[in-house]
Amino acid sequence: MDRIFGFAGGDSGSWKVDSLRAVRGEPLTPVARLSVVEPGMAYPAGARWLLRGVMSNERYVTHEERSGLRAVQEGLGRPASVSGAMIPIRKNPAWWELAQDERRAIMEEQSKHIRTGLRYLPAISRRLYHSRDLGETFDFITWFEFAPADAEAFEELVAALRASEEWRYVERETDFRMSLG
């Protein structure tokens, strides 16, 4: 069974791209719309670019953290969640040279990535897609959905994560803000 999700940027798609900016590194080509392509679906014709990723096991969470996340995180596609963001990220070689326990220590003990995210649940839903093992341009694609009333909280979340130790290892990041419809 195919587990690869796609994100196609072009002139069609259910998400309208309201803004796109390169946070670090070169940006992706600007597009008007974004299609989320679930496994088994056809890719839209005429896409200017395509990002792909797989939903994978949760690599850096403890059992307790996973239980806490699952207890409060709500799924994607909620009727009120008509605002969204897609943030593809590529980390530098120094990150990948670290052992997994060293990356975990940076993510949680130093950067408090999971604890920070928990403060914004259930208002902000997210799903992480892994792309590195597919040989893609980015290592991760993070997809967020939230109600317009939670846009300020989303900005706080992103600012806190970008100010963390972990973000020293990001060499390319593009930030898309979108609206459904």
Protein backbone atom coordinates (compact mmCIF):
# COMPACT_ATOMS: atom_id res chain seq x y z
CA MET A 1 0.00 0.00 0.00
CA ASP A 2 1.31 3.41 -1.00
CA ARG A 3 1.91 5.72 1.98
CA ILE A 4 3.31 8.67 0.05
CA PHE A 5 1.45 11.96 0.34
CA GLY A 6 2.04 14.76 -2.12
CA PHE A 7 1.71 18.52 -2.02
CA ALA A 8 1.36 20.00 -5.50
CA GLY A 9 1.75 23.71 -6.07
CA GLY A 10 0.12 25.28 -9.10
CA ASP A 11 -3.09 26.92 -10.27
CA SER A 12 -5.50 24.35 -8.82
CA GLY A 13 -6.15 22.84 -5.43
CA SER A 14 -8.41 23.23 -2.45
CA TRP A 15 -5.99 25.52 -0.56
CA LYS A 16 -5.44 29.13 -1.68
CA VAL A 17 -1.86 30.24 -1.01
CA ASP A 18 -2.13 33.58 0.79
CA SER A 19 1.61 34.02 1.30
CA LEU A 20 4.84 32.20 0.67
CA ARG A 21 8.23 33.23 2.00
CA ALA A 22 11.65 31.74 2.28
CA VAL A 23 12.67 31.77 5.94
CA ARG A 24 16.07 30.24 5.14
CA GLY A 25 17.60 29.26 1.83
CA GLU A 26 16.00 29.56 -1.56
CA PRO A 27 12.21 29.72 -1.86
CA LEU A 28 9.96 27.46 -3.84
CA THR A 29 8.40 28.92 -6.98
CA PRO A 30 5.35 31.01 -6.01
CA VAL A 31 1.99 29.38 -6.72
CA ALA A 32 -1.65 30.41 -6.35
CA ARG A 33 -3.06 27.13 -5.00
CA LEU A 34 -2.00 23.94 -3.29
CA SER A 35 -3.37 20.41 -3.64
CA VAL A 36 -2.93 17.80 -0.94
CA VAL A 37 -2.58 14.47 -2.72
CA GLU A 38 -3.36 11.49 -0.52
CA PRO A 39 -2.05 8.00 -1.31
CA GLY A 40 -3.78 6.53 -4.34
CA MET A 41 -4.94 9.89 -5.69
CA ALA A 42 -3.75 11.25 -9.03
CA TYR A 43 -1.45 14.26 -9.05
CA PRO A 44 -2.98 17.38 -10.63
CA ALA A 45 -1.86 18.26 -14.13
CA GLY A 46 0.21 21.39 -14.53
CA ALA A 47 1.76 21.53 -11.05
CA ARG A 48 4.83 23.78 -10.88
CA TRP A 49 6.36 21.66 -8.13
CA LEU A 50 5.60 18.62 -6.04
CA LEU A 51 6.73 17.80 -2.50
CA ARG A 52 6.32 14.27 -1.20
CA GLY A 53 6.48 12.70 2.24
CA VAL A 54 5.34 9.74 4.28
CA MET A 55 3.65 9.56 7.63
CA SER A 56 6.08 7.58 9.75
CA ASN A 57 6.63 6.47 13.29
CA GLU A 58 7.15 9.20 15.86
CA ARG A 59 10.93 9.22 16.12
CA TYR A 60 11.73 11.57 18.97
CA VAL A 61 8.93 11.15 21.48
CA THR A 62 8.79 9.11 24.65
CA HIS A 63 5.79 6.94 25.47
CA GLU A 64 4.56 9.52 27.98
CA GLU A 65 4.90 12.38 25.47
CA ARG A 66 3.10 10.42 22.76
CA SER A 67 0.24 9.66 25.16
CA GLY A 68 0.00 13.33 26.09
CA LEU A 69 -0.08 14.40 22.44
CA ARG A 70 -2.71 11.84 21.50
CA ALA A 71 -4.91 12.81 24.45
CA VAL A 72 -5.31 16.40 23.24
CA GLN A 73 -4.45 16.58 19.54
CA GLU A 74 -7.39 16.62 17.19
CA GLY A 75 -7.30 15.48 13.59
CA LEU A 76 -7.06 17.46 10.41
CA GLY A 77 -10.08 18.48 8.40
CA ARG A 78 -12.12 20.06 11.19
CA PRO A 79 -14.86 22.34 9.77
CA ALA A 80 -13.60 25.46 11.58
CA SER A 81 -9.97 24.89 10.51
CA VAL A 82 -10.01 26.88 7.29
CA SER A 83 -6.55 28.40 7.83
CA GLY A 84 -3.45 26.39 7.21
CA ALA A 85 0.29 26.42 6.88
CA MET A 86 2.79 24.16 5.21
CA ILE A 87 6.40 24.44 6.32
CA PRO A 88 8.90 22.23 4.49
CA ILE A 89 12.30 22.09 6.22
CA ARG A 90 15.74 20.75 5.38
CA LYS A 91 18.28 20.42 8.16
CA ASN A 92 22.01 20.72 7.62
CA PRO A 93 24.52 17.83 7.53
CA ALA A 94 25.63 18.56 11.12
CA TRP A 95 22.12 17.57 12.31
CA TRP A 96 22.23 14.26 10.48
CA GLU A 97 25.72 13.48 11.79
CA LEU A 98 24.33 13.47 15.34
CA ALA A 99 23.13 10.23 16.87
CA GLN A 100 19.37 9.95 17.39
CA ASP A 101 19.69 10.42 21.16
CA GLU A 102 21.69 13.62 20.56
CA ARG A 103 19.01 14.94 18.19
CA ARG A 104 16.35 14.03 20.77
CA ALA A 105 18.26 15.94 23.47
CA ILE A 106 18.41 19.04 21.27
CA MET A 107 14.75 18.77 20.26
CA GLU A 108 13.27 18.23 23.67
CA GLU A 109 15.67 18.81 26.55
CA GLN A 110 17.10 22.01 25.02
CA SER A 111 14.44 23.23 22.57
CA LYS A 112 11.34 21.85 24.33
CA HIS A 113 9.78 21.19 20.91
CA ILE A 114 7.07 18.79 22.11
CA ARG A 115 6.24 20.75 25.27
CA THR A 116 5.94 23.92 23.23
CA GLY A 117 3.61 22.27 20.73
CA LEU A 118 1.42 20.82 23.49
CA ARG A 119 0.57 24.34 24.69
CA TYR A 120 -1.21 25.01 21.39
CA LEU A 121 -3.31 21.84 21.21
CA PRO A 122 -6.05 21.17 20.35
CA ALA A 123 -6.48 24.55 18.60
CA ILE A 124 -3.74 23.82 16.08
CA SER A 125 -3.68 20.43 14.37
CA ARG A 126 -0.50 19.21 12.73
CA ARG A 127 0.84 16.30 10.79
CA LEU A 128 4.50 15.61 10.05
CA TYR A 129 5.61 13.98 6.82
CA HIS A 130 9.12 12.55 6.44
CA SER A 131 10.79 13.18 3.08
CA ARG A 132 14.51 12.64 3.60
CA ASP A 133 14.46 8.89 3.00
CA LEU A 134 12.57 9.47 -0.26
CA GLY A 135 15.46 11.58 -1.58
CA GLU A 136 13.32 14.71 -1.64
CA THR A 137 14.48 18.34 -1.53
CA PHE A 138 13.26 18.79 2.06
CA ASP A 139 13.68 16.45 5.05
CA PHE A 140 10.26 17.17 6.58
CA ILE A 141 6.98 18.74 5.58
CA THR A 142 4.88 19.97 8.46
CA TRP A 143 1.21 20.63 7.76
CA PHE A 144 -0.90 22.72 10.14
CA GLU A 145 -4.62 23.52 10.23
CA PHE A 146 -6.40 25.95 12.55
CA ALA A 147 -9.35 28.31 12.79
CA PRO A 148 -8.71 31.95 11.79
CA ALA A 149 -9.26 32.93 15.45
CA ASP A 150 -6.16 30.85 16.33
CA ALA A 151 -3.85 32.52 13.79
CA GLU A 152 -2.09 34.59 16.49
CA ALA A 153 -1.48 31.46 18.57
CA PHE A 154 -0.01 29.79 15.50
CA GLU A 155 2.38 32.73 15.02
CA GLU A 156 3.47 32.37 18.67
CA LEU A 157 4.10 28.65 18.18
CA VAL A 158 6.20 29.13 15.06
CA ALA A 159 8.19 31.98 16.63
CA ALA A 160 8.96 29.88 19.72
CA LEU A 161 10.15 26.94 17.64
CA ARG A 162 12.28 29.14 15.36
CA ALA A 163 13.95 30.69 18.42
CA SER A 164 15.01 27.28 19.73
CA GLU A 165 18.38 25.53 19.62
CA GLU A 166 16.99 23.00 17.16
CA TRP A 167 16.43 25.67 14.50
CA ARG A 168 20.19 26.39 14.35
CA TYR A 169 20.33 23.24 12.22
CA VAL A 170 17.76 24.36 9.64
CA GLU A 171 19.39 25.27 6.32
CA ARG A 172 16.26 25.63 4.19
CA GLU A 173 12.71 26.51 5.22
CA THR A 174 9.79 27.86 3.24
CA ASP A 175 6.65 29.09 5.00
CA PHE A 176 3.27 28.87 3.23
CA ARG A 177 0.13 30.40 4.71
CA MET A 178 -3.14 29.29 3.18
CA SER A 179 -6.90 29.43 3.37
CA LEU A 180 -9.36 26.73 2.42
CA GLY A 181 -11.61 27.39 -0.54
